[in-house]
Amino acid sequence: MISQKIAPSREIGFSYEDFAARLDQYDYHFSPGDIVAGTVFNIESRGALIDIGAKTAAFIPIQEMSINRVDDPLEVLQPNETREFYILTDENEEGQLTLSIRRIEYKRAWERVRQLQAEDATVRSNVFATNRGGALVRIEGLRGFIPGSHISTREAKEELVGQDLPLKFLEVDEERNRLVLSHRRALVERKMHGLEVSQVVRGSVRGIKPYGAFIDIGGVSGLLHISEISHEHIDTPSTVFNVNDELKVMIIDLDAERGRISLSTKQLEPEPGDMLKNRELVFEKAEEMAERYRQKLKAEEEGQDISEIIEDIPLASEEEDLIISATEE
């Protein structure tokens, strides 16, 4: 029988406190604002427990599971799923951290809308509510506001709820939590693809203000400023127009950046004051006067004598006189 020598035992001297202290050396340090990977191991009605490698399981409340409303945690999380979480708070008295997915989505949503704004993109969104000032929508999960002055529709604001609208960005400010959009600008931009300066279009008076009349031209609104109604002085546009009046107007400016179309009937007057004295004549000669306006713009660009060019473009009545004279001769 082979004898085996056993080394004498010795006291290790390693207490429970030492063991816990040693564990702390290898424990990760978590701080609010960190983004960490975690695995779902327990889901309950008010939230879920997440293993992120800390001594105590972290907790994510249901209201922090998404940027959108969540009624059931299973809409967002599944058992054993591993994903990123945002550390929302320091450990509580029980050593538990609070997590958030909403903060991650919120940050990425602002990054996305800033990118969309930089690209001058048109987005579509559903109106979920209205208030006295305008309408509310959601873009990438963020709440956006459309001011009433930037809603281009004949419907009452309340009737917009549930409708999808094309929208352009007016303001994207994460620090102030301001996301402002324009329906009017999106429509004007789309409409502008078929419009150009000096073009004559038909429209109807949609609204009258002290400073001018808003004219509906194919679903978008243009401003006929009081100074562009006639060469003669006008006290107020309401003395010239009524709502629903049908007009011919000329486009004098297209501002896609601000979503504005500026109109004129003054430039269509054969004689100063015709819009007040003989509106039908103005509309009859509209295309001819618009051609004169185009030649005037061209001359200004080329530095030519404007009067000589305009004199060479007769009105229809003058053309008829020339034709009659030539026939008689």
Protein backbone atom coordinates (compact mmCIF):
# COMPACT_ATOMS: atom_id res chain seq x y z
CA MET A 1 0.00 0.00 0.00
CA ILE A 2 1.39 3.30 -1.06
CA SER A 3 1.23 5.85 1.60
CA GLN A 4 0.32 9.41 0.64
CA LYS A 5 1.58 12.39 2.49
CA ILE A 6 -1.09 14.97 3.14
CA ALA A 7 0.02 18.54 3.49
CA PRO A 8 -1.00 20.12 6.71
CA SER A 9 -4.09 22.31 6.41
CA ARG A 10 -3.83 26.02 6.96
CA GLU A 11 -6.41 28.66 7.71
CA ILE A 12 -7.30 30.71 4.67
CA GLY A 13 -8.63 33.68 6.63
CA PHE A 14 -11.13 34.89 3.90
CA SER A 15 -14.36 36.20 5.45
CA TYR A 16 -17.75 36.86 3.82
CA GLU A 17 -17.05 40.60 3.95
CA ASP A 18 -13.78 40.05 2.10
CA PHE A 19 -15.62 38.02 -0.52
CA ALA A 20 -18.22 40.76 -1.03
CA ALA A 21 -15.48 43.37 -1.26
CA ARG A 22 -13.67 41.26 -3.85
CA LEU A 23 -16.91 41.03 -5.88
CA ASP A 24 -17.25 44.80 -5.77
CA GLN A 25 -13.85 45.07 -7.47
CA TYR A 26 -15.25 43.26 -10.48
CA ASP A 27 -18.67 44.90 -10.45
CA TYR A 28 -19.38 47.33 -13.29
CA HIS A 29 -19.98 50.95 -12.39
CA PHE A 30 -23.24 52.29 -13.84
CA SER A 31 -24.12 55.97 -14.14
CA PRO A 32 -27.28 57.78 -15.28
CA GLY A 33 -27.03 58.50 -18.99
CA ASP A 34 -25.12 55.31 -19.80
CA ILE A 35 -26.48 52.99 -22.46
CA VAL A 36 -26.00 49.32 -21.58
CA ALA A 37 -27.00 45.91 -22.90
CA GLY A 38 -29.52 44.03 -20.81
CA THR A 39 -31.56 40.82 -20.92
CA VAL A 40 -35.23 40.62 -19.94
CA PHE A 41 -35.82 37.91 -17.35
CA ASN A 42 -39.11 38.88 -15.74
CA ILE A 43 -42.11 40.83 -17.05
CA GLU A 44 -44.97 42.12 -14.95
CA SER A 45 -47.91 44.44 -15.57
CA ARG A 46 -46.18 47.60 -14.36
CA GLY A 47 -42.75 46.96 -15.89
CA ALA A 48 -39.93 44.44 -16.29
CA LEU A 49 -36.77 43.28 -14.52
CA ILE A 50 -33.61 43.46 -16.62
CA ASP A 51 -30.25 41.78 -16.05
CA ILE A 52 -27.51 44.27 -16.94
CA GLY A 53 -24.73 42.60 -14.94
CA ALA A 54 -25.29 44.55 -11.74
CA LYS A 55 -25.65 42.90 -8.33
CA THR A 56 -29.37 43.65 -8.38
CA ALA A 57 -31.71 43.39 -11.35
CA ALA A 58 -32.58 46.75 -12.88
CA PHE A 59 -36.20 47.80 -13.42
CA ILE A 60 -37.87 49.48 -16.40
CA PRO A 61 -41.33 50.93 -15.69
CA ILE A 62 -43.96 50.58 -18.41
CA GLN A 63 -44.03 54.35 -19.05
CA GLU A 64 -40.34 54.22 -20.00
CA MET A 65 -40.69 51.37 -22.49
CA SER A 66 -41.44 53.47 -25.56
CA ILE A 67 -41.78 57.00 -26.88
CA ASN A 68 -45.35 55.98 -27.71
CA ARG A 69 -48.07 54.88 -25.31
CA VAL A 70 -47.70 51.28 -24.07
CA ASP A 71 -50.59 49.41 -22.44
CA ASP A 72 -48.87 46.02 -22.08
CA PRO A 73 -45.10 45.47 -21.62
CA LEU A 74 -45.30 42.51 -24.03
CA GLU A 75 -45.97 45.04 -26.80
CA VAL A 76 -42.32 46.06 -26.45
CA LEU A 77 -40.36 43.38 -24.58
CA GLN A 78 -40.16 39.58 -24.73
CA PRO A 79 -38.68 37.19 -22.12
CA ASN A 80 -34.94 36.55 -22.66
CA GLU A 81 -34.72 39.37 -25.20
CA THR A 82 -31.42 41.27 -25.14
CA ARG A 83 -31.33 44.92 -26.18
CA GLU A 84 -30.03 48.37 -25.26
CA PHE A 85 -31.30 50.28 -22.25
CA TYR A 86 -30.68 53.79 -20.98
CA ILE A 87 -29.80 54.16 -17.29
CA LEU A 88 -32.30 56.70 -16.03
CA THR A 89 -31.48 56.99 -12.31
CA ASP A 90 -28.88 55.98 -9.73
CA GLU A 91 -29.49 52.99 -7.49
CA ASN A 92 -32.33 53.37 -5.04
CA GLU A 93 -32.14 52.31 -1.39
CA GLU A 94 -32.48 48.69 -2.49
CA GLY A 95 -29.57 49.01 -4.91
CA GLN A 96 -31.81 48.89 -7.99
CA LEU A 97 -31.27 50.99 -11.12
CA THR A 98 -34.14 52.38 -13.20
CA LEU A 99 -33.89 51.94 -16.98
CA SER A 100 -35.51 53.50 -20.03
CA ILE A 101 -36.01 52.68 -23.70
CA ARG A 102 -38.02 55.85 -24.25
CA ARG A 103 -34.94 58.05 -23.72
CA ILE A 104 -33.02 56.17 -26.43
CA GLU A 105 -35.93 56.46 -28.87
CA TYR A 106 -36.37 60.14 -27.96
CA LYS A 107 -32.73 60.94 -28.70
CA ARG A 108 -32.75 59.05 -31.99
CA ALA A 109 -36.07 60.65 -33.01
CA TRP A 110 -34.61 64.15 -32.67
CA GLU A 111 -31.57 63.09 -34.67
CA ARG A 112 -33.88 61.80 -37.38
CA VAL A 113 -36.06 64.91 -37.60
CA ARG A 114 -32.96 67.12 -37.73
CA GLN A 115 -31.78 65.04 -40.66
CA LEU A 116 -35.19 65.31 -42.36
CA GLN A 117 -35.16 69.07 -41.86
CA ALA A 118 -31.64 69.33 -43.34
CA GLU A 119 -32.87 67.37 -46.37
CA ASP A 120 -35.94 69.68 -46.61
CA ALA A 121 -38.00 66.49 -46.72
CA THR A 122 -41.78 66.34 -46.92
CA VAL A 123 -43.29 63.99 -44.32
CA ARG A 124 -46.83 62.75 -43.80
CA SER A 125 -48.49 62.50 -40.41
CA ASN A 126 -51.90 61.89 -38.90
CA VAL A 127 -53.60 64.69 -36.97
CA PHE A 128 -54.48 63.29 -33.53
CA ALA A 129 -55.82 66.47 -31.93
CA THR A 130 -56.47 70.17 -32.48
CA ASN A 131 -56.48 73.20 -30.21
CA ARG A 132 -57.19 76.89 -30.56
CA GLY A 133 -53.77 77.52 -32.07
CA GLY A 134 -53.58 74.71 -34.61
CA ALA A 135 -53.22 70.93 -34.96
CA LEU A 136 -51.11 68.24 -33.27
CA VAL A 137 -49.29 65.40 -35.05
CA ARG A 138 -46.52 62.91 -34.31
CA ILE A 139 -43.28 62.75 -36.30
CA GLU A 140 -40.95 59.85 -35.48
CA GLY A 141 -42.88 59.55 -32.22
CA LEU A 142 -42.32 63.21 -31.27
CA ARG A 143 -45.25 65.56 -30.80
CA GLY A 144 -45.36 68.22 -33.50
CA PHE A 145 -47.47 71.35 -33.86
CA ILE A 146 -48.98 72.88 -37.02
CA PRO A 147 -49.94 76.55 -36.44
CA GLY A 148 -53.36 77.50 -37.75
CA SER A 149 -51.74 79.93 -40.20
CA HIS A 150 -49.90 76.98 -41.75
CA ILE A 151 -52.94 74.76 -42.25
CA SER A 152 -54.08 75.06 -45.86
CA THR A 153 -57.58 73.63 -46.05
CA ARG A 154 -61.15 74.87 -46.21
CA GLU A 155 -62.21 72.40 -43.52
CA ALA A 156 -62.57 73.39 -39.90
CA LYS A 157 -59.55 72.38 -37.79
CA GLU A 158 -61.66 69.94 -35.81
CA GLU A 159 -62.45 68.00 -38.99
CA LEU A 160 -58.74 67.37 -39.60
CA VAL A 161 -58.49 64.84 -36.74
CA GLY A 162 -57.67 61.45 -38.25
CA GLN A 163 -56.45 62.89 -41.54
CA ASP A 164 -52.96 62.38 -42.99
CA LEU A 165 -51.32 65.64 -44.04
CA PRO A 166 -48.15 66.35 -46.04
CA LEU A 167 -45.88 68.54 -43.92
CA LYS A 168 -42.67 70.55 -44.06
CA PHE A 169 -40.45 71.43 -41.10
CA LEU A 170 -40.47 75.01 -39.83
CA GLU A 171 -38.61 74.59 -36.53
CA VAL A 172 -36.70 71.70 -34.95
CA ASP A 173 -35.42 72.62 -31.48
CA GLU A 174 -34.67 69.74 -29.11
CA GLU A 175 -33.55 71.99 -26.24
CA ARG A 176 -36.89 73.83 -26.21
CA ASN A 177 -38.80 70.68 -27.20
CA ARG A 178 -40.30 72.54 -30.18
CA LEU A 179 -41.22 70.74 -33.38
CA VAL A 180 -43.22 73.06 -35.65
CA LEU A 181 -44.49 72.06 -39.10
CA SER A 182 -46.30 73.55 -42.06
CA HIS A 183 -49.05 71.97 -44.13
CA ARG A 184 -49.30 75.07 -46.31
CA ARG A 185 -45.63 74.99 -47.25
CA ALA A 186 -45.81 71.34 -48.29
CA LEU A 187 -48.81 72.03 -50.54
CA VAL A 188 -47.28 75.18 -51.98
CA GLU A 189 -44.04 73.38 -52.82
CA ARG A 190 -45.93 70.62 -54.56
CA LYS A 191 -48.06 73.12 -56.43
CA MET A 192 -45.05 75.25 -57.32
CA HIS A 193 -43.71 72.54 -59.60
CA GLY A 194 -46.36 73.62 -62.09
CA LEU A 195 -46.16 77.36 -61.45
CA GLU A 196 -43.83 80.15 -62.51
CA VAL A 197 -43.44 83.87 -62.02
CA SER A 198 -45.52 85.96 -64.50
CA GLN A 199 -47.97 83.08 -65.04
CA VAL A 200 -51.67 83.99 -65.09
CA VAL A 201 -53.87 81.64 -63.06
CA ARG A 202 -57.53 81.49 -62.09
CA GLY A 203 -58.55 81.58 -58.46
CA SER A 204 -61.27 82.46 -56.00
CA VAL A 205 -61.21 84.78 -53.02
CA ARG A 206 -60.91 82.63 -49.92
CA GLY A 207 -60.52 85.31 -47.27
CA ILE A 208 -60.17 89.07 -46.97
CA LYS A 209 -57.92 90.90 -44.51
CA PRO A 210 -57.09 94.61 -44.13
CA TYR A 211 -53.71 93.97 -45.80
CA GLY A 212 -54.95 91.90 -48.75
CA ALA A 213 -56.99 88.99 -50.06
CA PHE A 214 -56.13 85.30 -49.93
CA ILE A 215 -56.76 83.63 -53.27
CA ASP A 216 -57.27 79.88 -53.66
CA ILE A 217 -55.43 78.73 -56.79
CA GLY A 218 -55.98 75.02 -57.21
CA GLY A 219 -55.91 74.04 -53.56
CA VAL A 220 -53.15 76.36 -52.34
CA SER A 221 -53.46 79.90 -51.06
CA GLY A 222 -51.68 82.94 -52.47
CA LEU A 223 -51.70 86.49 -51.12
CA LEU A 224 -52.95 89.36 -53.25
CA HIS A 225 -51.54 92.21 -51.18
CA ILE A 226 -53.51 95.46 -51.08
CA SER A 227 -50.63 97.22 -52.84
CA GLU A 228 -50.89 94.75 -55.75
CA ILE A 229 -54.64 95.07 -56.40
CA SER A 230 -54.56 98.27 -58.45
CA HIS A 231 -52.39 101.23 -59.40
CA GLU A 232 -55.00 103.42 -57.75
CA HIS A 233 -55.24 103.78 -53.97
CA ILE A 234 -57.49 101.33 -52.12
CA ASP A 235 -58.60 101.84 -48.52
CA THR A 236 -59.41 98.17 -47.89
CA PRO A 237 -59.64 95.05 -50.08
CA SER A 238 -63.23 94.49 -48.93
CA THR A 239 -64.29 97.46 -51.07
CA VAL A 240 -63.04 95.61 -54.15
CA PHE A 241 -63.66 91.90 -53.48
CA ASN A 242 -66.14 89.58 -51.84
CA VAL A 243 -65.40 86.06 -50.60
CA ASN A 244 -65.85 83.50 -53.44
CA ASP A 245 -65.24 86.10 -56.19
CA GLU A 246 -63.61 84.45 -59.23
CA LEU A 247 -60.46 86.20 -60.42
CA LYS A 248 -57.55 86.06 -62.79
CA VAL A 249 -54.29 86.86 -61.03
CA MET A 250 -50.64 86.88 -62.00
CA ILE A 251 -47.91 85.23 -59.93
CA ILE A 252 -45.21 87.75 -59.08
CA ASP A 253 -43.22 85.71 -56.54
CA LEU A 254 -42.81 82.08 -55.47
CA ASP A 255 -41.11 81.56 -52.11
CA ALA A 256 -40.76 77.80 -51.58
CA GLU A 257 -38.66 78.31 -48.44
CA ARG A 258 -41.47 80.19 -46.67
CA GLY A 259 -44.31 78.48 -48.53
CA ARG A 260 -45.70 81.71 -49.98
CA ILE A 261 -47.18 82.68 -53.33
CA SER A 262 -47.49 86.40 -54.05
CA LEU A 263 -50.09 87.53 -56.57
CA SER A 264 -51.01 90.67 -58.48
CA THR A 265 -53.89 92.11 -60.45
CA LYS A 266 -52.28 95.56 -60.59
CA GLN A 267 -49.75 94.31 -63.15
CA LEU A 268 -52.64 93.10 -65.32
CA GLU A 269 -54.36 96.51 -65.57
CA PRO A 270 -54.30 97.89 -69.15
CA GLU A 271 -54.84 101.33 -67.60
CA PRO A 272 -54.28 102.37 -63.97
CA GLY A 273 -57.45 101.83 -61.93
CA ASP A 274 -59.08 99.30 -64.30
CA MET A 275 -59.47 96.81 -61.46
CA LEU A 276 -61.83 99.30 -59.82
CA LYS A 277 -63.58 100.55 -62.95
CA ASN A 278 -63.62 97.61 -65.38
CA ARG A 279 -62.56 94.34 -63.82
CA GLU A 280 -63.77 92.25 -66.78
CA LEU A 281 -61.45 94.16 -69.12
CA VAL A 282 -58.51 93.36 -66.83
CA PHE A 283 -59.32 89.66 -66.99
CA GLU A 284 -59.85 89.79 -70.75
CA LYS A 285 -56.42 91.36 -71.33
CA ALA A 286 -54.68 89.41 -68.53
CA GLU A 287 -52.49 87.15 -70.71
CA GLU A 288 -51.40 90.07 -72.90
CA MET A 289 -50.49 92.22 -69.91
CA ALA A 290 -48.63 89.26 -68.42
CA GLU A 291 -46.57 89.02 -71.61
CA ARG A 292 -45.68 92.70 -71.23
CA TYR A 293 -44.65 91.99 -67.64
CA ARG A 294 -42.42 89.09 -68.79
CA GLN A 295 -40.75 91.32 -71.38
CA LYS A 296 -40.24 93.97 -68.72
CA LEU A 297 -38.53 91.43 -66.41
CA LYS A 298 -36.37 90.18 -69.27
CA ALA A 299 -35.35 93.72 -70.19
CA GLU A 300 -34.44 94.50 -66.59
CA GLU A 301 -32.26 91.41 -66.44
CA GLU A 302 -30.49 92.31 -69.69
CA GLY A 303 -30.26 96.03 -68.92
CA GLN A 304 -32.31 97.05 -71.96
CA ASP A 305 -34.59 100.05 -72.41
CA ILE A 306 -37.88 98.79 -71.00
CA SER A 307 -40.10 101.39 -72.67
CA GLU A 308 -38.94 100.48 -76.17
CA ILE A 309 -39.65 96.79 -75.65
CA ILE A 310 -43.10 97.37 -74.14
CA GLU A 311 -44.07 99.76 -76.92
CA ASP A 312 -43.37 97.00 -79.45
CA ILE A 313 -45.99 94.73 -77.80
CA PRO A 314 -49.48 95.97 -78.79
CA LEU A 315 -52.62 95.10 -76.87
CA ALA A 316 -55.25 93.01 -78.64
CA SER A 317 -57.30 96.14 -79.47
CA GLU A 318 -54.23 97.74 -81.06
CA GLU A 319 -53.51 94.56 -83.02
CA GLU A 320 -57.09 94.59 -84.33
CA ASP A 321 -56.67 98.23 -85.47
CA LEU A 322 -53.48 97.31 -87.29
CA ILE A 323 -55.17 94.37 -89.03
CA ILE A 324 -58.14 96.57 -90.07
CA SER A 325 -55.83 99.29 -91.39
CA ALA A 326 -53.79 96.80 -93.39
CA THR A 327 -56.98 95.31 -94.89
CA GLU A 328 -58.35 98.71 -95.86
CA GLU A 329 -55.12 99.63 -97.56
